[in-house]
PDB file of N, CA and C in Angstrom:
ATOM      1  N   MET A   1     -63.230 -75.811  26.189  1.00  0.00           N
ATOM      2  CA  MET A   1     -63.639 -74.943  25.104  1.00  0.00           C
ATOM      3  C   MET A   1     -64.995 -75.432  24.595  1.00  0.00           C
ATOM      4  N   SER A   2     -65.910 -74.511  24.450  1.00  0.00           N
ATOM      5  CA  SER A   2     -67.241 -74.889  23.994  1.00  0.00           C
ATOM      6  C   SER A   2     -67.222 -75.263  22.512  1.00  0.00           C
ATOM      7  N   ASP A   3     -68.248 -75.976  22.097  1.00  0.00           N
ATOM      8  CA  ASP A   3     -68.359 -76.370  20.685  1.00  0.00           C
ATOM      9  C   ASP A   3     -68.453 -75.138  19.792  1.00  0.00           C
ATOM     10  N   LEU A   4     -69.190 -74.114  20.254  1.00  0.00           N
ATOM     11  CA  LEU A   4     -69.329 -72.893  19.469  1.00  0.00           C
ATOM     12  C   LEU A   4     -67.974 -72.222  19.286  1.00  0.00           C
ATOM     13  N   LEU A   5     -67.189 -72.155  20.348  1.00  0.00           N
ATOM     14  CA  LEU A   5     -65.878 -71.535  20.255  1.00  0.00           C
ATOM     15  C   LEU A   5     -64.963 -72.316  19.319  1.00  0.00           C
ATOM     16  N   LYS A   6     -65.012 -73.630  19.374  1.00  0.00           N
ATOM     17  CA  LYS A   6     -64.219 -74.456  18.459  1.00  0.00           C
ATOM     18  C   LYS A   6     -64.604 -74.186  17.007  1.00  0.00           C
ATOM     19  N   LYS A   7     -65.909 -74.085  16.757  1.00  0.00           N
ATOM     20  CA  LYS A   7     -66.387 -73.822  15.399  1.00  0.00           C
ATOM     21  C   LYS A   7     -65.915 -72.451  14.923  1.00  0.00           C
ATOM     22  N   ILE A   8     -66.022 -71.447  15.792  1.00  0.00           N
ATOM     23  CA  ILE A   8     -65.586 -70.096  15.426  1.00  0.00           C
ATOM     24  C   ILE A   8     -64.089 -70.081  15.157  1.00  0.00           C
ATOM     25  N   GLU A   9     -63.319 -70.774  16.008  1.00  0.00           N
ATOM     26  CA  GLU A   9     -61.877 -70.829  15.819  1.00  0.00           C
ATOM     27  C   GLU A   9     -61.524 -71.467  14.483  1.00  0.00           C
ATOM     28  N   ASN A  10     -62.143 -72.578  14.165  1.00  0.00           N
ATOM     29  CA  ASN A  10     -61.869 -73.257  12.894  1.00  0.00           C
ATOM     30  C   ASN A  10     -62.208 -72.380  11.699  1.00  0.00           C
ATOM     31  N   GLU A  11     -63.335 -71.693  11.787  1.00  0.00           N
ATOM     32  CA  GLU A  11     -63.725 -70.819  10.690  1.00  0.00           C
ATOM     33  C   GLU A  11     -62.780 -69.624  10.587  1.00  0.00           C
ATOM     34  N   ALA A  12     -62.389 -69.063  11.728  1.00  0.00           N
ATOM     35  CA  ALA A  12     -61.477 -67.914  11.719  1.00  0.00           C
ATOM     36  C   ALA A  12     -60.132 -68.297  11.118  1.00  0.00           C
ATOM     37  N   LEU A  13     -59.637 -69.481  11.454  1.00  0.00           N
ATOM     38  CA  LEU A  13     -58.342 -69.914  10.935  1.00  0.00           C
ATOM     39  C   LEU A  13     -58.370 -70.200   9.436  1.00  0.00           C
ATOM     40  N   SER A  14     -59.554 -70.361   8.876  1.00  0.00           N
ATOM     41  CA  SER A  14     -59.654 -70.598   7.437  1.00  0.00           C
ATOM     42  C   SER A  14     -59.739 -69.292   6.634  1.00  0.00           C
ATOM     43  N   LEU A  15     -59.804 -68.164   7.318  1.00  0.00           N
ATOM     44  CA  LEU A  15     -59.869 -66.865   6.652  1.00  0.00           C
ATOM     45  C   LEU A  15     -58.516 -66.505   6.054  1.00  0.00           C
ATOM     46  N   SER A  16     -58.533 -65.542   5.143  1.00  0.00           N
ATOM     47  CA  SER A  16     -57.278 -65.038   4.578  1.00  0.00           C
ATOM     48  C   SER A  16     -56.488 -64.327   5.681  1.00  0.00           C
ATOM     49  N   ILE A  17     -55.219 -64.125   5.445  1.00  0.00           N
ATOM     50  CA  ILE A  17     -54.386 -63.470   6.445  1.00  0.00           C
ATOM     51  C   ILE A  17     -54.885 -62.055   6.748  1.00  0.00           C
ATOM     52  N   GLN A  18     -55.355 -61.352   5.736  1.00  0.00           N
ATOM     53  CA  GLN A  18     -55.876 -59.997   5.941  1.00  0.00           C
ATOM     54  C   GLN A  18     -57.135 -60.025   6.803  1.00  0.00           C
ATOM     55  N   ASP A  19     -58.026 -60.976   6.519  1.00  0.00           N
ATOM     56  CA  ASP A  19     -59.256 -61.068   7.302  1.00  0.00           C
ATOM     57  C   ASP A  19     -58.972 -61.500   8.740  1.00  0.00           C
ATOM     58  N   ARG A  20     -57.987 -62.386   8.932  1.00  0.00           N
ATOM     59  CA  ARG A  20     -57.619 -62.796  10.298  1.00  0.00           C
ATOM     60  C   ARG A  20     -57.034 -61.625  11.066  1.00  0.00           C
ATOM     61  N   ALA A  21     -56.207 -60.824  10.399  1.00  0.00           N
ATOM     62  CA  ALA A  21     -55.618 -59.650  11.052  1.00  0.00           C
ATOM     63  C   ALA A  21     -56.708 -58.664  11.445  1.00  0.00           C
ATOM     64  N   PHE A  22     -57.668 -58.440  10.557  1.00  0.00           N
ATOM     65  CA  PHE A  22     -58.782 -57.541  10.863  1.00  0.00           C
ATOM     66  C   PHE A  22     -59.584 -58.067  12.045  1.00  0.00           C
ATOM     67  N   LEU A  23     -59.884 -59.357  12.026  1.00  0.00           N
ATOM     68  CA  LEU A  23     -60.645 -59.967  13.115  1.00  0.00           C
ATOM     69  C   LEU A  23     -59.876 -59.880  14.433  1.00  0.00           C
ATOM     70  N   ALA A  24     -58.581 -60.141  14.398  1.00  0.00           N
ATOM     71  CA  ALA A  24     -57.763 -60.066  15.612  1.00  0.00           C
ATOM     72  C   ALA A  24     -57.786 -58.652  16.181  1.00  0.00           C
ATOM     73  N   ASP A  25     -57.669 -57.666  15.307  1.00  0.00           N
ATOM     74  CA  ASP A  25     -57.717 -56.270  15.760  1.00  0.00           C
ATOM     75  C   ASP A  25     -59.054 -55.944  16.405  1.00  0.00           C
ATOM     76  N   ARG A  26     -60.130 -56.397  15.775  1.00  0.00           N
ATOM     77  CA  ARG A  26     -61.469 -56.139  16.331  1.00  0.00           C
ATOM     78  C   ARG A  26     -61.645 -56.811  17.685  1.00  0.00           C
ATOM     79  N   LEU A  27     -61.171 -58.043  17.816  1.00  0.00           N
ATOM     80  CA  LEU A  27     -61.293 -58.762  19.086  1.00  0.00           C
ATOM     81  C   LEU A  27     -60.468 -58.095  20.175  1.00  0.00           C
ATOM     82  N   LEU A  28     -59.233 -57.718  19.856  1.00  0.00           N
ATOM     83  CA  LEU A  28     -58.398 -57.036  20.845  1.00  0.00           C
ATOM     84  C   LEU A  28     -59.002 -55.701  21.253  1.00  0.00           C
ATOM     85  N   SER A  29     -59.546 -54.986  20.286  1.00  0.00           N
ATOM     86  CA  SER A  29     -60.165 -53.694  20.586  1.00  0.00           C
ATOM     87  C   SER A  29     -61.355 -53.834  21.518  1.00  0.00           C
ATOM     88  N   SER A  30     -62.010 -54.974  21.449  1.00  0.00           N
ATOM     89  CA  SER A  30     -63.200 -55.178  22.280  1.00  0.00           C
ATOM     90  C   SER A  30     -62.858 -55.456  23.744  1.00  0.00           C
ATOM     91  N   LEU A  31     -61.567 -55.691  24.045  1.00  0.00           N
ATOM     92  CA  LEU A  31     -61.165 -56.023  25.412  1.00  0.00           C
ATOM     93  C   LEU A  31     -61.045 -54.803  26.314  1.00  0.00           C
ATOM     94  N   GLY A  32     -60.948 -53.626  25.735  1.00  0.00           N
ATOM     95  CA  GLY A  32     -60.877 -52.425  26.538  1.00  0.00           C
ATOM     96  C   GLY A  32     -59.489 -51.826  26.572  1.00  0.00           C
ATOM     97  N   GLU A  33     -59.422 -50.623  27.061  1.00  0.00           N
ATOM     98  CA  GLU A  33     -58.198 -49.841  27.050  1.00  0.00           C
ATOM     99  C   GLU A  33     -57.079 -50.446  27.881  1.00  0.00           C
ATOM    100  N   ASP A  34     -57.377 -51.008  29.043  1.00  0.00           N
ATOM    101  CA  ASP A  34     -56.322 -51.536  29.903  1.00  0.00           C
ATOM    102  C   ASP A  34     -55.542 -52.640  29.212  1.00  0.00           C
ATOM    103  N   VAL A  35     -56.241 -53.525  28.563  1.00  0.00           N
ATOM    104  CA  VAL A  35     -55.582 -54.625  27.865  1.00  0.00           C
ATOM    105  C   VAL A  35     -54.792 -54.096  26.675  1.00  0.00           C
ATOM    106  N   LEU A  36     -55.386 -53.175  25.941  1.00  0.00           N
ATOM    107  CA  LEU A  36     -54.685 -52.615  24.798  1.00  0.00           C
ATOM    108  C   LEU A  36     -53.419 -51.900  25.229  1.00  0.00           C
ATOM    109  N   SER A  37     -53.468 -51.201  26.331  1.00  0.00           N
ATOM    110  CA  SER A  37     -52.283 -50.498  26.798  1.00  0.00           C
ATOM    111  C   SER A  37     -51.157 -51.487  27.080  1.00  0.00           C
ATOM    112  N   ASP A  38     -51.457 -52.606  27.712  1.00  0.00           N
ATOM    113  CA  ASP A  38     -50.445 -53.622  27.987  1.00  0.00           C
ATOM    114  C   ASP A  38     -49.886 -54.191  26.693  1.00  0.00           C
ATOM    115  N   ILE A  39     -50.754 -54.461  25.741  1.00  0.00           N
ATOM    116  CA  ILE A  39     -50.321 -55.004  24.456  1.00  0.00           C
ATOM    117  C   ILE A  39     -49.505 -53.971  23.693  1.00  0.00           C
ATOM    118  N   ASP A  40     -49.988 -52.736  23.667  1.00  0.00           N
ATOM    119  CA  ASP A  40     -49.247 -51.672  22.995  1.00  0.00           C
ATOM    120  C   ASP A  40     -47.859 -51.504  23.607  1.00  0.00           C
ATOM    121  N   ASN A  41     -47.779 -51.500  24.924  1.00  0.00           N
ATOM    122  CA  ASN A  41     -46.484 -51.356  25.594  1.00  0.00           C
ATOM    123  C   ASN A  41     -45.556 -52.512  25.257  1.00  0.00           C
ATOM    124  N   ALA A  42     -46.094 -53.708  25.187  1.00  0.00           N
ATOM    125  CA  ALA A  42     -45.279 -54.867  24.839  1.00  0.00           C
ATOM    126  C   ALA A  42     -44.749 -54.739  23.413  1.00  0.00           C
ATOM    127  N   TRP A  43     -45.581 -54.284  22.483  1.00  0.00           N
ATOM    128  CA  TRP A  43     -45.134 -54.121  21.100  1.00  0.00           C
ATOM    129  C   TRP A  43     -44.108 -53.006  20.979  1.00  0.00           C
ATOM    130  N   ILE A  44     -44.285 -51.944  21.714  1.00  0.00           N
ATOM    131  CA  ILE A  44     -43.319 -50.847  21.687  1.00  0.00           C
ATOM    132  C   ILE A  44     -41.968 -51.342  22.194  1.00  0.00           C
ATOM    133  N   ALA A  45     -41.972 -52.074  23.301  1.00  0.00           N
ATOM    134  CA  ALA A  45     -40.728 -52.622  23.849  1.00  0.00           C
ATOM    135  C   ALA A  45     -40.070 -53.563  22.839  1.00  0.00           C
ATOM    136  N   GLU A  46     -40.864 -54.390  22.188  1.00  0.00           N
ATOM    137  CA  GLU A  46     -40.327 -55.325  21.192  1.00  0.00           C
ATOM    138  C   GLU A  46     -39.749 -54.572  20.000  1.00  0.00           C
ATOM    139  N   ALA A  47     -40.440 -53.548  19.531  1.00  0.00           N
ATOM    140  CA  ALA A  47     -39.946 -52.751  18.405  1.00  0.00           C
ATOM    141  C   ALA A  47     -38.638 -52.064  18.768  1.00  0.00           C
ATOM    142  N   GLU A  48     -38.547 -51.524  19.977  1.00  0.00           N
ATOM    143  CA  GLU A  48     -37.318 -50.880  20.413  1.00  0.00           C
ATOM    144  C   GLU A  48     -36.171 -51.886  20.513  1.00  0.00           C
ATOM    145  N   ARG A  49     -36.463 -53.077  21.014  1.00  0.00           N
ATOM    146  CA  ARG A  49     -35.451 -54.117  21.120  1.00  0.00           C
ATOM    147  C   ARG A  49     -34.933 -54.505  19.728  1.00  0.00           C
ATOM    148  N   ARG A  50     -35.858 -54.679  18.787  1.00  0.00           N
ATOM    149  CA  ARG A  50     -35.455 -55.057  17.430  1.00  0.00           C
ATOM    150  C   ARG A  50     -34.645 -53.952  16.749  1.00  0.00           C
ATOM    151  N   TYR A  51     -35.038 -52.711  16.965  1.00  0.00           N
ATOM    152  CA  TYR A  51     -34.318 -51.592  16.361  1.00  0.00           C
ATOM    153  C   TYR A  51     -32.904 -51.504  16.935  1.00  0.00           C
ATOM    154  N   LYS A  52     -32.778 -51.661  18.240  1.00  0.00           N
ATOM    155  CA  LYS A  52     -31.461 -51.636  18.881  1.00  0.00           C
ATOM    156  C   LYS A  52     -30.587 -52.756  18.322  1.00  0.00           C
ATOM    157  N   GLU A  53     -31.162 -53.951  18.188  1.00  0.00           N
ATOM    158  CA  GLU A  53     -30.429 -55.084  17.627  1.00  0.00           C
ATOM    159  C   GLU A  53     -29.995 -54.804  16.195  1.00  0.00           C
ATOM    160  N   TYR A  54     -30.885 -54.222  15.410  1.00  0.00           N
ATOM    161  CA  TYR A  54     -30.577 -53.869  14.033  1.00  0.00           C
ATOM    162  C   TYR A  54     -29.424 -52.869  13.960  1.00  0.00           C
ATOM    163  N   LYS A  55     -29.482 -51.826  14.800  1.00  0.00           N
ATOM    164  CA  LYS A  55     -28.440 -50.790  14.795  1.00  0.00           C
ATOM    165  C   LYS A  55     -27.088 -51.375  15.207  1.00  0.00           C
ATOM    166  N   GLU A  56     -27.083 -52.320  16.126  1.00  0.00           N
ATOM    167  CA  GLU A  56     -25.840 -52.907  16.594  1.00  0.00           C
ATOM    168  C   GLU A  56     -25.183 -53.786  15.529  1.00  0.00           C
ATOM    169  N   LYS A  57     -25.957 -54.326  14.615  1.00  0.00           N
ATOM    170  CA  LYS A  57     -25.430 -55.203  13.567  1.00  0.00           C
ATOM    171  C   LYS A  57     -24.884 -54.434  12.376  1.00  0.00           C
ATOM    172  N   ARG A  58     -25.156 -53.142  12.310  1.00  0.00           N
ATOM    173  CA  ARG A  58     -24.703 -52.334  11.166  1.00  0.00           C
ATOM    174  C   ARG A  58     -23.254 -52.068  11.190  1.00  0.00           C
TER     175      ARG A  58
END
């Protein structure tokens, strides 16, 4: 890891949770549609899994 990347990481981790979430969204968005599609699909699968688990516990 380069020194610049370490510095950016340290500064990013010192941001508020809202600012970190915004930064994470911007960084992910910059990766392109293919990566976002994989991430979106993973989150959809996770949300469906959690909902199924929730319904089964009722």
